[in-house]
Amino acid sequence: MADQPLRAHFAADPIELPDGRKIRVSAYPDGSIRFRVDGLPYVLTEAYLSGDPEKNKAIVKLSPGKQRSNAAYNYVEELKKKDG
């Protein structure tokens, strides 16, 4: 039998950003955390997964591709479609 996916034991209410995108955070019994973000595509632009030993925090930053990726073009085009 295949492993069953873990069910979140906590899911925060969605956070709506000023441009209408939504973010939801879920926590799982195994200690993992899941971030669900509307408005794809994104590029991982910063990750400190080991955390800062002094602060004991991990950081993950997603960007709509403003680092000269195709995601940047797609994000700008999608914004234009919404406005026009």
Protein backbone atom coordinates (compact mmCIF):
# COMPACT_ATOMS: atom_id res chain seq x y z
CA MET A 1 0.00 0.00 0.00
CA ALA A 2 1.35 3.41 -0.92
CA ASP A 3 1.98 5.93 1.81
CA GLN A 4 -1.01 8.13 2.38
CA PRO A 5 -0.34 11.88 2.16
CA LEU A 6 -0.34 13.63 5.50
CA ARG A 7 -3.35 15.76 6.29
CA ALA A 8 -2.66 19.22 7.59
CA HIS A 9 -3.40 19.54 11.27
CA PHE A 10 -3.42 23.33 10.93
CA ALA A 11 -4.27 25.58 7.97
CA ALA A 12 -4.23 29.33 8.44
CA ASP A 13 -6.90 31.50 6.91
CA PRO A 14 -5.72 32.81 3.53
CA ILE A 15 -3.87 36.12 3.59
CA GLU A 16 -4.93 38.42 0.74
CA LEU A 17 -2.17 40.60 -0.69
CA PRO A 18 -2.86 44.12 -2.04
CA ASP A 19 -2.88 42.86 -5.65
CA GLY A 20 -5.46 40.16 -4.89
CA ARG A 21 -3.12 37.16 -4.67
CA LYS A 22 -3.66 34.86 -1.70
CA ILE A 23 -1.24 32.94 0.50
CA ARG A 24 -2.13 30.01 2.73
CA VAL A 25 0.15 28.27 5.23
CA SER A 26 -0.45 24.73 6.45
CA ALA A 27 1.38 22.74 9.12
CA TYR A 28 1.62 18.95 9.24
CA PRO A 29 2.05 16.43 12.07
CA ASP A 30 5.55 15.52 10.84
CA GLY A 31 6.70 19.12 11.41
CA SER A 32 6.65 20.14 7.74
CA ILE A 33 5.14 23.42 6.54
CA ARG A 34 3.47 24.08 3.20
CA PHE A 35 2.96 27.46 1.51
CA ARG A 36 0.34 27.77 -1.21
CA VAL A 37 0.50 30.96 -3.27
CA ASP A 38 -1.82 32.23 -6.03
CA GLY A 39 -0.52 34.05 -9.10
CA LEU A 40 2.03 31.73 -10.66
CA PRO A 41 4.78 31.65 -11.85
CA TYR A 42 7.30 32.32 -9.10
CA VAL A 43 11.05 32.01 -8.76
CA LEU A 44 12.82 30.98 -5.57
CA THR A 45 15.05 33.99 -4.92
CA GLU A 46 16.20 33.46 -1.34
CA ALA A 47 16.39 30.44 0.94
CA TYR A 48 18.03 30.12 4.32
CA LEU A 49 16.75 26.67 5.18
CA SER A 50 19.30 25.96 7.87
CA GLY A 51 18.18 29.13 9.55
CA ASP A 52 20.15 31.77 11.34
CA PRO A 53 21.73 30.01 14.33
CA GLU A 54 21.39 33.15 16.45
CA LYS A 55 17.70 33.63 15.66
CA ASN A 56 16.78 29.99 14.89
CA LYS A 57 14.63 31.00 11.90
CA ALA A 58 14.44 29.81 8.31
CA ILE A 59 13.61 32.16 5.43
CA VAL A 60 12.11 31.40 2.02
CA LYS A 61 11.48 34.18 -0.49
CA LEU A 62 9.52 33.78 -3.71
CA SER A 63 9.51 36.43 -6.39
CA PRO A 64 7.39 36.86 -9.51
CA GLY A 65 10.64 36.57 -11.43
CA LYS A 66 12.11 40.05 -11.26
CA GLN A 67 15.56 38.52 -11.69
CA ARG A 68 15.43 38.52 -15.51
CA SER A 69 13.59 35.22 -15.76
CA ASN A 70 10.67 34.31 -17.98
CA ALA A 71 8.53 34.47 -14.85
CA ALA A 72 9.07 38.25 -14.69
CA TYR A 73 7.72 38.68 -18.22
CA ASN A 74 4.73 36.42 -17.51
CA TYR A 75 3.89 38.26 -14.28
CA VAL A 76 4.02 41.68 -15.95
CA GLU A 77 1.89 40.44 -18.84
CA GLU A 78 -0.71 38.99 -16.47
CA LEU A 79 -0.91 42.30 -14.59
CA LYS A 80 -1.46 44.12 -17.90
CA LYS A 81 -4.31 41.73 -18.78
CA LYS A 82 -6.00 42.40 -15.43
CA ASP A 83 -5.70 46.17 -15.85
CA GLY A 84 -6.67 46.39 -19.44
